[in-house]
Amino acid sequence: LKEVIGHISDTERIMSYRLLRIARGDKTPLPGF
């Protein structure tokens, strides 16, 4: 359960980072994880 909670946080960080980059007009392709 701790790993699931950590995974939810990590995934949200990654998706939010992607969201930030795209929202700010960054056209650099972003990798998966």
ModelCIF file with pLDDT and N, C-alpha, C, O atoms, coordinates in Angstrom:
data_MODEL
#
_entry.id   MODEL 
#
_entity.id                         1 
_entity.type                       polymer 
_entity.pdbx_number_of_molecules   1 
#
_entity_poly.entity_id                      1 
_entity_poly.type                           'polypeptide(L)' 
_entity_poly.nstd_linkage                   no 
_entity_poly.nstd_monomer                   no 
_entity_poly.pdbx_seq_one_letter_code       LKEVIGHISDTERIMSYRLLRIARGDKTPLPGF 
_entity_poly.pdbx_seq_one_letter_code_can   LKEVIGHISDTERIMSYRLLRIARGDKTPLPGF 
_entity_poly.pdbx_strand_id                 A 
#
loop_
_entity_poly_seq.entity_id 
_entity_poly_seq.num 
_entity_poly_seq.mon_id 
_entity_poly_seq.hetero 
1 1  LEU n 
1 2  LYS n 
1 3  GLU n 
1 4  VAL n 
1 5  ILE n 
1 6  GLY n 
1 7  HIS n 
1 8  ILE n 
1 9  SER n 
1 10 ASP n 
1 11 THR n 
1 12 GLU n 
1 13 ARG n 
1 14 ILE n 
1 15 MET n 
1 16 SER n 
1 17 TYR n 
1 18 ARG n 
1 19 LEU n 
1 20 LEU n 
1 21 ARG n 
1 22 ILE n 
1 23 ALA n 
1 24 ARG n 
1 25 GLY n 
1 26 ASP n 
1 27 LYS n 
1 28 THR n 
1 29 PRO n 
1 30 LEU n 
1 31 PRO n 
1 32 GLY n 
1 33 PHE n 
#
_struct_asym.id          A 
_struct_asym.entity_id   1 
#
loop_
_ma_qa_metric.id 
_ma_qa_metric.mode 
_ma_qa_metric.name 
_ma_qa_metric.software_group_id 
_ma_qa_metric.type 
1 global pLDDT . pLDDT 
2 local  pLDDT . pLDDT 
#
_ma_qa_metric_global.metric_id      1 
_ma_qa_metric_global.metric_value   97.76 
_ma_qa_metric_global.model_id       1 
_ma_qa_metric_global.ordinal_id     1 
#
loop_
_ma_qa_metric_local.label_asym_id 
_ma_qa_metric_local.label_comp_id 
_ma_qa_metric_local.label_seq_id 
_ma_qa_metric_local.metric_id 
_ma_qa_metric_local.metric_value 
_ma_qa_metric_local.model_id 
_ma_qa_metric_local.ordinal_id 
A LEU 1  2 97.00 1 1  
A LYS 2  2 98.00 1 2  
A GLU 3  2 98.00 1 3  
A VAL 4  2 98.00 1 4  
A ILE 5  2 98.00 1 5  
A GLY 6  2 98.00 1 6  
A HIS 7  2 98.00 1 7  
A ILE 8  2 98.00 1 8  
A SER 9  2 98.00 1 9  
A ASP 10 2 98.00 1 10 
A THR 11 2 98.00 1 11 
A GLU 12 2 98.00 1 12 
A ARG 13 2 98.00 1 13 
A ILE 14 2 98.00 1 14 
A MET 15 2 98.00 1 15 
A SER 16 2 98.00 1 16 
A TYR 17 2 98.00 1 17 
A ARG 18 2 98.00 1 18 
A LEU 19 2 98.00 1 19 
A LEU 20 2 98.00 1 20 
A ARG 21 2 98.00 1 21 
A ILE 22 2 98.00 1 22 
A ALA 23 2 98.00 1 23 
A ARG 24 2 98.00 1 24 
A GLY 25 2 97.00 1 25 
A ASP 26 2 98.00 1 26 
A LYS 27 2 96.00 1 27 
A THR 28 2 98.00 1 28 
A PRO 29 2 98.00 1 29 
A LEU 30 2 98.00 1 30 
A PRO 31 2 97.00 1 31 
A GLY 32 2 96.00 1 32 
A PHE 33 2 97.00 1 33 
#
loop_
_atom_site.group_PDB 
_atom_site.id 
_atom_site.type_symbol 
_atom_site.label_atom_id 
_atom_site.label_alt_id 
_atom_site.label_comp_id 
_atom_site.label_asym_id 
_atom_site.label_entity_id 
_atom_site.label_seq_id 
_atom_site.pdbx_PDB_ins_code 
_atom_site.Cartn_x 
_atom_site.Cartn_y 
_atom_site.Cartn_z 
_atom_site.occupancy 
_atom_site.B_iso_or_equiv 
_atom_site.pdbx_formal_charge 
_atom_site.auth_seq_id 
_atom_site.auth_comp_id 
_atom_site.auth_asym_id 
_atom_site.auth_atom_id 
_atom_site.pdbx_PDB_model_num 
ATOM 1   N N  . LEU A 1 1  ? 0.834  -1.197 0.000   1.00 97.00 ? 1  LEU A N  1 
ATOM 2   C CA . LEU A 1 1  ? 0.000  0.000  0.000   1.00 97.00 ? 1  LEU A CA 1 
ATOM 3   C C  . LEU A 1 1  ? 0.875  1.256  0.000   1.00 97.00 ? 1  LEU A C  1 
ATOM 4   O O  . LEU A 1 1  ? 0.542  2.239  -0.662  1.00 97.00 ? 1  LEU A O  1 
ATOM 5   N N  . LYS A 1 2  ? 1.991  1.231  0.738   1.00 98.00 ? 2  LYS A N  1 
ATOM 6   C CA . LYS A 1 2  ? 2.918  2.369  0.732   1.00 98.00 ? 2  LYS A CA 1 
ATOM 7   C C  . LYS A 1 2  ? 3.469  2.601  -0.676  1.00 98.00 ? 2  LYS A C  1 
ATOM 8   O O  . LYS A 1 2  ? 3.612  3.743  -1.112  1.00 98.00 ? 2  LYS A O  1 
ATOM 9   N N  . GLU A 1 3  ? 3.772  1.526  -1.374  1.00 98.00 ? 3  GLU A N  1 
ATOM 10  C CA . GLU A 1 3  ? 4.285  1.665  -2.738  1.00 98.00 ? 3  GLU A CA 1 
ATOM 11  C C  . GLU A 1 3  ? 3.227  2.226  -3.680  1.00 98.00 ? 3  GLU A C  1 
ATOM 12  O O  . GLU A 1 3  ? 3.550  2.994  -4.586  1.00 98.00 ? 3  GLU A O  1 
ATOM 13  N N  . VAL A 1 4  ? 1.984  1.856  -3.479  1.00 98.00 ? 4  VAL A N  1 
ATOM 14  C CA . VAL A 1 4  ? 0.902  2.396  -4.306  1.00 98.00 ? 4  VAL A CA 1 
ATOM 15  C C  . VAL A 1 4  ? 0.784  3.899  -4.071  1.00 98.00 ? 4  VAL A C  1 
ATOM 16  O O  . VAL A 1 4  ? 0.689  4.671  -5.026  1.00 98.00 ? 4  VAL A O  1 
ATOM 17  N N  . ILE A 1 5  ? 0.788  4.315  -2.818  1.00 98.00 ? 5  ILE A N  1 
ATOM 18  C CA . ILE A 1 5  ? 0.694  5.749  -2.509  1.00 98.00 ? 5  ILE A CA 1 
ATOM 19  C C  . ILE A 1 5  ? 1.886  6.500  -3.098  1.00 98.00 ? 5  ILE A C  1 
ATOM 20  O O  . ILE A 1 5  ? 1.715  7.563  -3.696  1.00 98.00 ? 5  ILE A O  1 
ATOM 21  N N  . GLY A 1 6  ? 3.082  5.958  -2.934  1.00 98.00 ? 6  GLY A N  1 
ATOM 22  C CA . GLY A 1 6  ? 4.258  6.593  -3.515  1.00 98.00 ? 6  GLY A CA 1 
ATOM 23  C C  . GLY A 1 6  ? 4.165  6.678  -5.025  1.00 98.00 ? 6  GLY A C  1 
ATOM 24  O O  . GLY A 1 6  ? 4.536  7.688  -5.622  1.00 98.00 ? 6  GLY A O  1 
ATOM 25  N N  . HIS A 1 7  ? 3.669  5.616  -5.640  1.00 98.00 ? 7  HIS A N  1 
ATOM 26  C CA . HIS A 1 7  ? 3.498  5.583  -7.090  1.00 98.00 ? 7  HIS A CA 1 
ATOM 27  C C  . HIS A 1 7  ? 2.500  6.648  -7.546  1.00 98.00 ? 7  HIS A C  1 
ATOM 28  O O  . HIS A 1 7  ? 2.733  7.318  -8.552  1.00 98.00 ? 7  HIS A O  1 
ATOM 29  N N  . ILE A 1 8  ? 1.409  6.810  -6.829  1.00 98.00 ? 8  ILE A N  1 
ATOM 30  C CA . ILE A 1 8  ? 0.429  7.847  -7.179  1.00 98.00 ? 8  ILE A CA 1 
ATOM 31  C C  . ILE A 1 8  ? 1.099  9.219  -7.152  1.00 98.00 ? 8  ILE A C  1 
ATOM 32  O O  . ILE A 1 8  ? 0.894  10.027 -8.058  1.00 98.00 ? 8  ILE A O  1 
ATOM 33  N N  . SER A 1 9  ? 1.892  9.485  -6.122  1.00 98.00 ? 9  SER A N  1 
ATOM 34  C CA . SER A 1 9  ? 2.579  10.777 -6.027  1.00 98.00 ? 9  SER A CA 1 
ATOM 35  C C  . SER A 1 9  ? 3.604  10.949 -7.144  1.00 98.00 ? 9  SER A C  1 
ATOM 36  O O  . SER A 1 9  ? 3.657  12.002 -7.779  1.00 98.00 ? 9  SER A O  1 
ATOM 37  N N  . ASP A 1 10 ? 4.412  9.930  -7.385  1.00 98.00 ? 10 ASP A N  1 
ATOM 38  C CA . ASP A 1 10 ? 5.413  10.024 -8.455  1.00 98.00 ? 10 ASP A CA 1 
ATOM 39  C C  . ASP A 1 10 ? 4.759  10.274 -9.806  1.00 98.00 ? 10 ASP A C  1 
ATOM 40  O O  . ASP A 1 10 ? 5.209  11.127 -10.571 1.00 98.00 ? 10 ASP A O  1 
ATOM 41  N N  . THR A 1 11 ? 3.710  9.539  -10.095 1.00 98.00 ? 11 THR A N  1 
ATOM 42  C CA . THR A 1 11 ? 3.036  9.688  -11.385 1.00 98.00 ? 11 THR A CA 1 
ATOM 43  C C  . THR A 1 11 ? 2.424  11.078 -11.512 1.00 98.00 ? 11 THR A C  1 
ATOM 44  O O  . THR A 1 11 ? 2.477  11.688 -12.580 1.00 98.00 ? 11 THR A O  1 
ATOM 45  N N  . GLU A 1 12 ? 1.848  11.574 -10.430 1.00 98.00 ? 12 GLU A N  1 
ATOM 46  C CA . GLU A 1 12 ? 1.280  12.923 -10.488 1.00 98.00 ? 12 GLU A CA 1 
ATOM 47  C C  . GLU A 1 12 ? 2.372  13.956 -10.731 1.00 98.00 ? 12 GLU A C  1 
ATOM 48  O O  . GLU A 1 12 ? 2.173  14.894 -11.503 1.00 98.00 ? 12 GLU A O  1 
ATOM 49  N N  . ARG A 1 13 ? 3.506  13.797 -10.092 1.00 98.00 ? 13 ARG A N  1 
ATOM 50  C CA . ARG A 1 13 ? 4.633  14.722 -10.337 1.00 98.00 ? 13 ARG A CA 1 
ATOM 51  C C  . ARG A 1 13 ? 5.027  14.718 -11.811 1.00 98.00 ? 13 ARG A C  1 
ATOM 52  O O  . ARG A 1 13 ? 5.218  15.775 -12.413 1.00 98.00 ? 13 ARG A O  1 
ATOM 53  N N  . ILE A 1 14 ? 5.145  13.540 -12.377 1.00 98.00 ? 14 ILE A N  1 
ATOM 54  C CA . ILE A 1 14 ? 5.559  13.425 -13.773 1.00 98.00 ? 14 ILE A CA 1 
ATOM 55  C C  . ILE A 1 14 ? 4.507  14.033 -14.698 1.00 98.00 ? 14 ILE A C  1 
ATOM 56  O O  . ILE A 1 14 ? 4.847  14.784 -15.613 1.00 98.00 ? 14 ILE A O  1 
ATOM 57  N N  . MET A 1 15 ? 3.253  13.717 -14.471 1.00 98.00 ? 15 MET A N  1 
ATOM 58  C CA . MET A 1 15 ? 2.187  14.262 -15.312 1.00 98.00 ? 15 MET A CA 1 
ATOM 59  C C  . MET A 1 15 ? 2.088  15.780 -15.155 1.00 98.00 ? 15 MET A C  1 
ATOM 60  O O  . MET A 1 15 ? 1.836  16.486 -16.131 1.00 98.00 ? 15 MET A O  1 
ATOM 61  N N  . SER A 1 16 ? 2.283  16.283 -13.944 1.00 98.00 ? 16 SER A N  1 
ATOM 62  C CA . SER A 1 16 ? 2.247  17.732 -13.717 1.00 98.00 ? 16 SER A CA 1 
ATOM 63  C C  . SER A 1 16 ? 3.420  18.430 -14.395 1.00 98.00 ? 16 SER A C  1 
ATOM 64  O O  . SER A 1 16 ? 3.269  19.528 -14.930 1.00 98.00 ? 16 SER A O  1 
ATOM 65  N N  . TYR A 1 17 ? 4.579  17.798 -14.373 1.00 98.00 ? 17 TYR A N  1 
ATOM 66  C CA . TYR A 1 17 ? 5.738  18.343 -15.069 1.00 98.00 ? 17 TYR A CA 1 
ATOM 67  C C  . TYR A 1 17 ? 5.469  18.417 -16.573 1.00 98.00 ? 17 TYR A C  1 
ATOM 68  O O  . TYR A 1 17 ? 5.770  19.420 -17.219 1.00 98.00 ? 17 TYR A O  1 
ATOM 69  N N  . ARG A 1 18 ? 4.910  17.363 -17.108 1.00 98.00 ? 18 ARG A N  1 
ATOM 70  C CA . ARG A 1 18 ? 4.546  17.365 -18.520 1.00 98.00 ? 18 ARG A CA 1 
ATOM 71  C C  . ARG A 1 18 ? 3.531  18.471 -18.805 1.00 98.00 ? 18 ARG A C  1 
ATOM 72  O O  . ARG A 1 18 ? 3.651  19.207 -19.784 1.00 98.00 ? 18 ARG A O  1 
ATOM 73  N N  . LEU A 1 19 ? 2.538  18.569 -17.934 1.00 98.00 ? 19 LEU A N  1 
ATOM 74  C CA . LEU A 1 19 ? 1.501  19.587 -18.063 1.00 98.00 ? 19 LEU A CA 1 
ATOM 75  C C  . LEU A 1 19 ? 2.129  20.980 -18.064 1.00 98.00 ? 19 LEU A C  1 
ATOM 76  O O  . LEU A 1 19 ? 1.778  21.814 -18.899 1.00 98.00 ? 19 LEU A O  1 
ATOM 77  N N  . LEU A 1 20 ? 3.043  21.239 -17.148 1.00 98.00 ? 20 LEU A N  1 
ATOM 78  C CA . LEU A 1 20 ? 3.728  22.533 -17.060 1.00 98.00 ? 20 LEU A CA 1 
ATOM 79  C C  . LEU A 1 20 ? 4.475  22.835 -18.355 1.00 98.00 ? 20 LEU A C  1 
ATOM 80  O O  . LEU A 1 20 ? 4.331  23.918 -18.923 1.00 98.00 ? 20 LEU A O  1 
ATOM 81  N N  . ARG A 1 21 ? 5.259  21.891 -18.813 1.00 98.00 ? 21 ARG A N  1 
ATOM 82  C CA . ARG A 1 21 ? 6.075  22.121 -20.005 1.00 98.00 ? 21 ARG A CA 1 
ATOM 83  C C  . ARG A 1 21 ? 5.195  22.444 -21.209 1.00 98.00 ? 21 ARG A C  1 
ATOM 84  O O  . ARG A 1 21 ? 5.467  23.389 -21.949 1.00 98.00 ? 21 ARG A O  1 
ATOM 85  N N  . ILE A 1 22 ? 4.150  21.663 -21.397 1.00 98.00 ? 22 ILE A N  1 
ATOM 86  C CA . ILE A 1 22 ? 3.280  21.874 -22.557 1.00 98.00 ? 22 ILE A CA 1 
ATOM 87  C C  . ILE A 1 22 ? 2.473  23.168 -22.385 1.00 98.00 ? 22 ILE A C  1 
ATOM 88  O O  . ILE A 1 22 ? 2.312  23.922 -23.345 1.00 98.00 ? 22 ILE A O  1 
ATOM 89  N N  . ALA A 1 23 ? 1.975  23.428 -21.196 1.00 98.00 ? 23 ALA A N  1 
ATOM 90  C CA . ALA A 1 23 ? 1.193  24.643 -20.945 1.00 98.00 ? 23 ALA A CA 1 
ATOM 91  C C  . ALA A 1 23 ? 2.009  25.905 -21.198 1.00 98.00 ? 23 ALA A C  1 
ATOM 92  O O  . ALA A 1 23 ? 1.464  26.934 -21.597 1.00 98.00 ? 23 ALA A O  1 
ATOM 93  N N  . ARG A 1 24 ? 3.303  25.823 -20.966 1.00 98.00 ? 24 ARG A N  1 
ATOM 94  C CA . ARG A 1 24 ? 4.183  26.986 -21.170 1.00 98.00 ? 24 ARG A CA 1 
ATOM 95  C C  . ARG A 1 24 ? 4.707  27.069 -22.605 1.00 98.00 ? 24 ARG A C  1 
ATOM 96  O O  . ARG A 1 24 ? 5.534  27.926 -22.918 1.00 98.00 ? 24 ARG A O  1 
ATOM 97  N N  . GLY A 1 25 ? 4.229  26.189 -23.465 1.00 97.00 ? 25 GLY A N  1 
ATOM 98  C CA . GLY A 1 25 ? 4.576  26.263 -24.875 1.00 97.00 ? 25 GLY A CA 1 
ATOM 99  C C  . GLY A 1 25 ? 5.850  25.549 -25.260 1.00 97.00 ? 25 GLY A C  1 
ATOM 100 O O  . GLY A 1 25 ? 6.342  25.728 -26.374 1.00 97.00 ? 25 GLY A O  1 
ATOM 101 N N  . ASP A 1 26 ? 6.396  24.743 -24.369 1.00 98.00 ? 26 ASP A N  1 
ATOM 102 C CA . ASP A 1 26 ? 7.607  23.986 -24.677 1.00 98.00 ? 26 ASP A CA 1 
ATOM 103 C C  . ASP A 1 26 ? 7.252  22.891 -25.685 1.00 98.00 ? 26 ASP A C  1 
ATOM 104 O O  . ASP A 1 26 ? 6.375  22.066 -25.430 1.00 98.00 ? 26 ASP A O  1 
ATOM 105 N N  . LYS A 1 27 ? 7.926  22.891 -26.812 1.00 96.00 ? 27 LYS A N  1 
ATOM 106 C CA . LYS A 1 27 ? 7.639  21.926 -27.884 1.00 96.00 ? 27 LYS A CA 1 
ATOM 107 C C  . LYS A 1 27 ? 8.571  20.715 -27.856 1.00 96.00 ? 27 LYS A C  1 
ATOM 108 O O  . LYS A 1 27 ? 8.496  19.861 -28.739 1.00 96.00 ? 27 LYS A O  1 
ATOM 109 N N  . THR A 1 28 ? 9.447  20.631 -26.855 1.00 98.00 ? 28 THR A N  1 
ATOM 110 C CA . THR A 1 28 ? 10.378 19.512 -26.757 1.00 98.00 ? 28 THR A CA 1 
ATOM 111 C C  . THR A 1 28 ? 9.614  18.217 -26.468 1.00 98.00 ? 28 THR A C  1 
ATOM 112 O O  . THR A 1 28 ? 8.869  18.158 -25.490 1.00 98.00 ? 28 THR A O  1 
ATOM 113 N N  . PRO A 1 29 ? 9.777  17.193 -27.285 1.00 98.00 ? 29 PRO A N  1 
ATOM 114 C CA . PRO A 1 29 ? 9.116  15.906 -26.983 1.00 98.00 ? 29 PRO A CA 1 
ATOM 115 C C  . PRO A 1 29 ? 9.594  15.372 -25.622 1.00 98.00 ? 29 PRO A C  1 
ATOM 116 O O  . PRO A 1 29 ? 10.780 15.434 -25.296 1.00 98.00 ? 29 PRO A O  1 
ATOM 117 N N  . LEU A 1 30 ? 8.657  14.858 -24.856 1.00 98.00 ? 30 LEU A N  1 
ATOM 118 C CA . LEU A 1 30 ? 8.939  14.367 -23.509 1.00 98.00 ? 30 LEU A CA 1 
ATOM 119 C C  . LEU A 1 30 ? 8.917  12.841 -23.492 1.00 98.00 ? 30 LEU A C  1 
ATOM 120 O O  . LEU A 1 30 ? 8.087  12.227 -24.163 1.00 98.00 ? 30 LEU A O  1 
ATOM 121 N N  . PRO A 1 31 ? 9.823  12.223 -22.731 1.00 97.00 ? 31 PRO A N  1 
ATOM 122 C CA . PRO A 1 31 ? 9.914  10.761 -22.714 1.00 97.00 ? 31 PRO A CA 1 
ATOM 123 C C  . PRO A 1 31 ? 8.857  10.128 -21.801 1.00 97.00 ? 31 PRO A C  1 
ATOM 124 O O  . PRO A 1 31 ? 8.227  10.800 -20.984 1.00 97.00 ? 31 PRO A O  1 
ATOM 125 N N  . GLY A 1 32 ? 8.689  8.833  -21.968 1.00 96.00 ? 32 GLY A N  1 
ATOM 126 C CA . GLY A 1 32 ? 7.872  8.055  -21.048 1.00 96.00 ? 32 GLY A CA 1 
ATOM 127 C C  . GLY A 1 32 ? 8.680  7.727  -19.809 1.00 96.00 ? 32 GLY A C  1 
ATOM 128 O O  . GLY A 1 32 ? 9.797  8.219  -19.648 1.00 96.00 ? 32 GLY A O  1 
ATOM 129 N N  . PHE A 1 33 ? 8.128  6.896  -18.928 1.00 97.00 ? 33 PHE A N  1 
ATOM 130 C CA . PHE A 1 33 ? 8.861  6.433  -17.746 1.00 97.00 ? 33 PHE A CA 1 
ATOM 131 C C  . PHE A 1 33 ? 8.383  5.039  -17.389 1.00 97.00 ? 33 PHE A C  1 
ATOM 132 O O  . PHE A 1 33 ? 8.865  4.450  -16.422 1.00 97.00 ? 33 PHE A O  1 
#
